[in-house]
C-alpha atoms as a PDB file:
ATOM      1  CA  MET A   1      83.259 -97.540-170.557  1.00  0.00           C
ATOM      2  CA  GLY A   2      86.078-100.097-170.612  1.00  0.00           C
ATOM      3  CA  HIS A   3      89.732 -99.626-169.753  1.00  0.00           C
ATOM      4  CA  VAL A   4      91.017 -96.073-170.315  1.00  0.00           C
ATOM      5  CA  ASP A   5      94.734 -95.340-169.970  1.00  0.00           C
ATOM      6  CA  ILE A   6      94.538 -91.577-169.577  1.00  0.00           C
ATOM      7  CA  THR A   7      91.931 -88.857-169.226  1.00  0.00           C
ATOM      8  CA  VAL A   8      92.905 -85.408-170.442  1.00  0.00           C
ATOM      9  CA  ALA A   9      90.815 -83.026-168.334  1.00  0.00           C
ATOM     10  CA  ILE A  10      90.297 -79.475-169.567  1.00  0.00           C
ATOM     11  CA  CYS A  11      88.604 -77.190-167.061  1.00  0.00           C
ATOM     12  CA  THR A  12      87.155 -74.112-168.710  1.00  0.00           C
ATOM     13  CA  TYR A  13      85.088 -71.036-168.025  1.00  0.00           C
ATOM     14  CA  ASN A  14      83.734 -69.235-171.099  1.00  0.00           C
ATOM     15  CA  GLY A  15      86.220 -71.175-173.199  1.00  0.00           C
ATOM     16  CA  ALA A  16      84.285 -71.399-176.471  1.00  0.00           C
ATOM     17  CA  VAL A  17      86.939 -69.343-178.263  1.00  0.00           C
ATOM     18  CA  ARG A  18      89.930 -71.176-176.708  1.00  0.00           C
ATOM     19  CA  ILE A  19      88.752 -74.799-176.648  1.00  0.00           C
ATOM     20  CA  PRO A  20      88.949 -75.407-180.435  1.00  0.00           C
ATOM     21  CA  ASP A  21      92.703 -74.754-180.516  1.00  0.00           C
ATOM     22  CA  VAL A  22      93.283 -77.189-177.655  1.00  0.00           C
ATOM     23  CA  LEU A  23      91.049 -79.896-179.153  1.00  0.00           C
ATOM     24  CA  ASP A  24      92.679 -79.452-182.569  1.00  0.00           C
ATOM     25  CA  ALA A  25      96.110 -79.914-180.961  1.00  0.00           C
ATOM     26  CA  LEU A  26      94.900 -83.041-179.169  1.00  0.00           C
ATOM     27  CA  ASN A  27      93.689 -84.409-182.513  1.00  0.00           C
ATOM     28  CA  LEU A  28      97.311 -84.139-183.692  1.00  0.00           C
ATOM     29  CA  GLN A  29      98.836 -86.134-180.828  1.00  0.00           C
ATOM     30  CA  GLN A  30     101.436 -88.578-182.123  1.00  0.00           C
ATOM     31  CA  ALA A  31     102.172 -92.162-181.100  1.00  0.00           C
ATOM     32  CA  THR A  32      98.929 -92.682-179.183  1.00  0.00           C
ATOM     33  CA  GLU A  33      97.714 -95.639-181.251  1.00  0.00           C
ATOM     34  CA  HIS A  34      98.545 -98.050-178.409  1.00  0.00           C
ATOM     35  CA  LEU A  35      96.607 -95.991-175.856  1.00  0.00           C
ATOM     36  CA  VAL A  36      92.943 -95.779-174.973  1.00  0.00           C
ATOM     37  CA  TRP A  37      92.315 -92.194-173.959  1.00  0.00           C
ATOM     38  CA  GLU A  38      89.593 -89.671-173.496  1.00  0.00           C
ATOM     39  CA  VAL A  39      89.262 -85.916-173.330  1.00  0.00           C
ATOM     40  CA  LEU A  40      86.943 -84.579-170.662  1.00  0.00           C
ATOM     41  CA  VAL A  41      85.911 -80.929-170.857  1.00  0.00           C
ATOM     42  CA  ILE A  42      84.634 -79.577-167.551  1.00  0.00           C
ATOM     43  CA  ASP A  43      82.486 -76.516-168.172  1.00  0.00           C
ATOM     44  CA  ASN A  44      82.749 -74.406-165.028  1.00  0.00           C
ATOM     45  CA  ALA A  45      79.411 -72.557-165.283  1.00  0.00           C
ATOM     46  CA  SER A  46      80.225 -70.831-168.566  1.00  0.00           C
ATOM     47  CA  GLN A  47      77.937 -68.122-169.896  1.00  0.00           C
ATOM     48  CA  ASP A  48      79.037 -68.516-173.521  1.00  0.00           C
ATOM     49  CA  ASN A  49      78.477 -71.359-175.994  1.00  0.00           C
ATOM     50  CA  THR A  50      81.213 -73.654-174.658  1.00  0.00           C
ATOM     51  CA  HIS A  51      78.793 -76.595-174.524  1.00  0.00           C
ATOM     52  CA  GLU A  52      77.817 -76.200-178.187  1.00  0.00           C
ATOM     53  CA  VAL A  53      81.452 -75.946-179.317  1.00  0.00           C
ATOM     54  CA  VAL A  54      82.398 -79.113-177.431  1.00  0.00           C
ATOM     55  CA  GLN A  55      79.315 -80.885-178.804  1.00  0.00           C
ATOM     56  CA  GLN A  56      80.345 -79.997-182.376  1.00  0.00           C
ATOM     57  CA  TYR A  57      83.720 -81.632-181.780  1.00  0.00           C
ATOM     58  CA  ALA A  58      82.127 -84.624-180.039  1.00  0.00           C
ATOM     59  CA  ASN A  59      79.913 -85.206-183.086  1.00  0.00           C
ATOM     60  CA  GLN A  60      83.016 -85.564-185.264  1.00  0.00           C
ATOM     61  CA  ASP A  61      84.664 -88.970-184.929  1.00  0.00           C
ATOM     62  CA  ASN A  62      88.335 -88.099-184.634  1.00  0.00           C
ATOM     63  CA  GLY A  63      89.327 -91.766-184.421  1.00  0.00           C
ATOM     64  CA  LYS A  64      91.767 -91.099-181.575  1.00  0.00           C
ATOM     65  CA  TYR A  65      89.824 -90.482-178.398  1.00  0.00           C
ATOM     66  CA  LEU A  66      86.393 -90.132-176.877  1.00  0.00           C
ATOM     67  CA  LEU A  67      85.398 -86.543-176.122  1.00  0.00           C
ATOM     68  CA  ARG A  68      83.121 -86.058-173.127  1.00  0.00           C
ATOM     69  CA  TYR A  69      81.545 -82.979-171.550  1.00  0.00           C
ATOM     70  CA  ALA A  70      80.567 -82.364-167.940  1.00  0.00           C
ATOM     71  CA  PHE A  71      79.044 -79.273-166.356  1.00  0.00           C
ATOM     72  CA  GLU A  72      80.196 -78.025-162.951  1.00  0.00           C
ATOM     73  CA  PRO A  73      77.784 -75.384-161.618  1.00  0.00           C
ATOM     74  CA  GLN A  74      79.973 -74.294-158.685  1.00  0.00           C
ATOM     75  CA  LYS A  75      82.412 -71.671-159.978  1.00  0.00           C
ATOM     76  CA  GLY A  76      86.079 -72.074-159.214  1.00  0.00           C
ATOM     77  CA  LEU A  77      88.980 -74.122-160.529  1.00  0.00           C
ATOM     78  CA  ALA A  78      89.055 -76.352-157.444  1.00  0.00           C
ATOM     79  CA  PHE A  79      85.423 -77.361-158.023  1.00  0.00           C
ATOM     80  CA  ALA A  80      86.071 -77.972-161.728  1.00  0.00           C
ATOM     81  CA  ARG A  81      89.132 -80.123-161.026  1.00  0.00           C
ATOM     82  CA  ASN A  82      87.293 -82.084-158.372  1.00  0.00           C
ATOM     83  CA  ARG A  83      84.527 -82.746-160.914  1.00  0.00           C
ATOM     84  CA  ALA A  84      87.147 -83.858-163.441  1.00  0.00           C
ATOM     85  CA  VAL A  85      88.635 -86.364-161.002  1.00  0.00           C
ATOM     86  CA  LEU A  86      85.168 -87.730-160.224  1.00  0.00           C
ATOM     87  CA  GLU A  87      84.153 -87.993-163.902  1.00  0.00           C
ATOM     88  CA  ALA A  88      87.467 -89.294-165.287  1.00  0.00           C
ATOM     89  CA  CYS A  89      87.633 -92.875-166.513  1.00  0.00           C
ATOM     90  CA  GLY A  90      91.398 -92.987-167.036  1.00  0.00           C
ATOM     91  CA  ASN A  91      93.995 -94.626-164.845  1.00  0.00           C
ATOM     92  CA  LEU A  92      95.818 -91.297-165.167  1.00  0.00           C
ATOM     93  CA  VAL A  93      94.285 -87.824-165.160  1.00  0.00           C
ATOM     94  CA  ALA A  94      96.214 -85.134-167.016  1.00  0.00           C
ATOM     95  CA  PHE A  95      95.060 -81.560-166.528  1.00  0.00           C
ATOM     96  CA  LEU A  96      95.397 -79.189-169.449  1.00  0.00           C
ATOM     97  CA  ASP A  97      94.355 -75.552-169.250  1.00  0.00           C
ATOM     98  CA  ASP A  98      92.018 -74.261-171.943  1.00  0.00           C
ATOM     99  CA  ASP A  99      94.688 -71.832-173.144  1.00  0.00           C
ATOM    100  CA  ASN A 100      97.546 -74.365-173.287  1.00  0.00           C
ATOM    101  CA  ILE A 101      98.486 -76.008-176.552  1.00  0.00           C
ATOM    102  CA  PRO A 102     100.145 -79.364-175.852  1.00  0.00           C
ATOM    103  CA  ALA A 103     103.225 -80.509-177.728  1.00  0.00           C
ATOM    104  CA  SER A 104     102.481 -83.208-180.299  1.00  0.00           C
ATOM    105  CA  ASN A 105     104.023 -85.860-178.029  1.00  0.00           C
ATOM    106  CA  TRP A 106     102.504 -84.600-174.765  1.00  0.00           C
ATOM    107  CA  ILE A 107     100.268 -87.606-174.081  1.00  0.00           C
ATOM    108  CA  LEU A 108     102.979 -90.077-175.069  1.00  0.00           C
ATOM    109  CA  LYS A 109     105.522 -88.465-172.739  1.00  0.00           C
ATOM    110  CA  ALA A 110     103.048 -88.229-169.850  1.00  0.00           C
ATOM    111  CA  THR A 111     102.090 -91.890-170.095  1.00  0.00           C
ATOM    112  CA  GLU A 112     105.717 -92.980-170.514  1.00  0.00           C
ATOM    113  CA  PHE A 113     106.737 -91.040-167.412  1.00  0.00           C
ATOM    114  CA  ALA A 114     103.839 -92.479-165.422  1.00  0.00           C
ATOM    115  CA  GLN A 115     104.819 -96.010-166.442  1.00  0.00           C
ATOM    116  CA  LYS A 116     108.470 -95.418-165.499  1.00  0.00           C
ATOM    117  CA  SER A 117     107.508 -93.736-162.214  1.00  0.00           C
ATOM    118  CA  PRO A 118     104.515 -95.661-160.859  1.00  0.00           C
ATOM    119  CA  LYS A 119     104.897 -94.192-157.359  1.00  0.00           C
ATOM    120  CA  ALA A 120     104.593 -90.609-158.586  1.00  0.00           C
ATOM    121  CA  GLY A 121     101.270 -89.248-157.409  1.00  0.00           C
ATOM    122  CA  ALA A 122     101.552 -86.110-159.502  1.00  0.00           C
ATOM    123  CA  PHE A 123     103.958 -84.695-162.044  1.00  0.00           C
ATOM    124  CA  GLY A 124     104.225 -81.768-164.413  1.00  0.00           C
ATOM    125  CA  GLY A 125     106.133 -80.761-167.461  1.00  0.00           C
ATOM    126  CA  LYS A 126     107.540 -77.886-169.368  1.00  0.00           C
ATOM    127  CA  VAL A 127     105.172 -75.026-170.199  1.00  0.00           C
ATOM    128  CA  LYS A 128     106.382 -72.671-172.916  1.00  0.00           C
ATOM    129  CA  GLY A 129     104.743 -69.329-173.557  1.00  0.00           C
ATOM    130  CA  GLN A 130     103.528 -68.340-177.010  1.00  0.00           C
ATOM    131  CA  PHE A 131     103.199 -64.604-177.359  1.00  0.00           C
ATOM    132  CA  GLU A 132     101.589 -62.355-179.944  1.00  0.00           C
ATOM    133  CA  THR A 133     104.290 -59.754-179.236  1.00  0.00           C
ATOM    134  CA  PRO A 134     107.648 -60.137-177.501  1.00  0.00           C
ATOM    135  CA  PRO A 135     107.286 -60.163-173.705  1.00  0.00           C
ATOM    136  CA  PRO A 136     108.795 -57.319-171.671  1.00  0.00           C
ATOM    137  CA  LYS A 137     112.463 -57.474-170.703  1.00  0.00           C
ATOM    138  CA  ASP A 138     111.849 -58.594-167.104  1.00  0.00           C
ATOM    139  CA  PHE A 139     109.072 -61.051-167.961  1.00  0.00           C
ATOM    140  CA  ASN A 140     111.042 -63.974-166.539  1.00  0.00           C
ATOM    141  CA  LYS A 141     110.461 -62.527-163.042  1.00  0.00           C
ATOM    142  CA  ILE A 142     106.695 -63.088-163.309  1.00  0.00           C
ATOM    143  CA  ALA A 143     106.546 -66.041-165.731  1.00  0.00           C
ATOM    144  CA  VAL A 144     106.231 -68.579-162.912  1.00  0.00           C
ATOM    145  CA  PHE A 145     103.068 -66.843-161.704  1.00  0.00           C
ATOM    146  CA  LEU A 146     101.583 -67.428-165.158  1.00  0.00           C
ATOM    147  CA  ALA A 147     102.523 -71.132-165.025  1.00  0.00           C
ATOM    148  CA  ILE A 148     105.217 -70.721-167.679  1.00  0.00           C
ATOM    149  CA  LEU A 149     107.869 -73.111-166.401  1.00  0.00           C
ATOM    150  CA  ASP A 150     110.953 -74.774-167.832  1.00  0.00           C
ATOM    151  CA  ARG A 151     112.500 -77.163-165.372  1.00  0.00           C
ATOM    152  CA  GLY A 152     114.694 -78.800-167.986  1.00  0.00           C
ATOM    153  CA  GLU A 153     114.741 -82.287-169.429  1.00  0.00           C
ATOM    154  CA  VAL A 154     115.732 -84.242-166.309  1.00  0.00           C
ATOM    155  CA  ALA A 155     113.090 -85.516-163.890  1.00  0.00           C
ATOM    156  CA  HIS A 156     113.334 -84.095-160.380  1.00  0.00           C
ATOM    157  CA  CYS A 157     111.943 -85.613-157.223  1.00  0.00           C
ATOM    158  CA  TYR A 158     109.689 -83.302-155.248  1.00  0.00           C
ATOM    159  CA  THR A 159     108.848 -84.266-151.701  1.00  0.00           C
ATOM    160  CA  PRO A 160     105.697 -82.389-150.770  1.00  0.00           C
ATOM    161  CA  HIS A 161     105.052 -80.962-147.361  1.00  0.00           C
ATOM    162  CA  ARG A 162     101.886 -81.892-145.566  1.00  0.00           C
ATOM    163  CA  GLY A 163      98.792 -80.427-147.190  1.00  0.00           C
ATOM    164  CA  VAL A 164     100.496 -79.500-150.453  1.00  0.00           C
ATOM    165  CA  PHE A 165      98.078 -81.611-152.518  1.00  0.00           C
ATOM    166  CA  ALA A 166      95.133 -79.327-151.888  1.00  0.00           C
ATOM    167  CA  THR A 167      97.026 -76.061-152.291  1.00  0.00           C
ATOM    168  CA  ARG A 168      99.292 -76.911-155.211  1.00  0.00           C
ATOM    169  CA  CYS A 169      96.949 -78.862-157.455  1.00  0.00           C
ATOM    170  CA  GLY A 170      93.925 -76.610-157.285  1.00  0.00           C
ATOM    171  CA  LEU A 171      91.979 -79.402-155.629  1.00  0.00           C
ATOM    172  CA  SER A 172      90.104 -79.072-152.388  1.00  0.00           C
ATOM    173  CA  GLY A 173      89.326 -81.729-149.833  1.00  0.00           C
ATOM    174  CA  ALA A 174      91.301 -84.696-148.653  1.00  0.00           C
ATOM    175  CA  ALA A 175      92.923 -86.775-151.362  1.00  0.00           C
ATOM    176  CA  SER A 176      91.187 -89.874-150.023  1.00  0.00           C
ATOM    177  CA  SER A 177      87.792 -88.269-150.561  1.00  0.00           C
ATOM    178  CA  LEU A 178      88.512 -87.894-154.273  1.00  0.00           C
ATOM    179  CA  ALA A 179      88.997 -91.593-154.936  1.00  0.00           C
END
């Protein structure tokens, strides 16, 4: 594969029901015509038909990105993310959970930020919850534990402490061993 600007990595376990919504949202990404990008689904030892669902999407030429599938037999998000880093072809790797629906400009904003901040080793964005029913009154006290975060519109510098890469990113092993 030639030059790829960004790999969107989706790690999933039994995600056959959730993956279509994420892939449909990625098909609707705006202002990506100038980018070469791929979507990489890492199947973390699923017992459902995740592989078949991804294959159905891969057989459809969406005209925007290449969809690839990889199987990780060792269960656990750290193993799946490590596999994603190893399999990714992009200069950037953007992780997207299988139950997160990206905003229509998500890829554009991620690549713009990366270009403006070339020394940033990792960055995140706003995660808004979508609920079938209104959340309980004190939901904001536990929202951060569910990765629902709103840090505003202004970029903030985060200086990690030693070892934060492995514990905060769901990756295991030394960063140098992942390259």
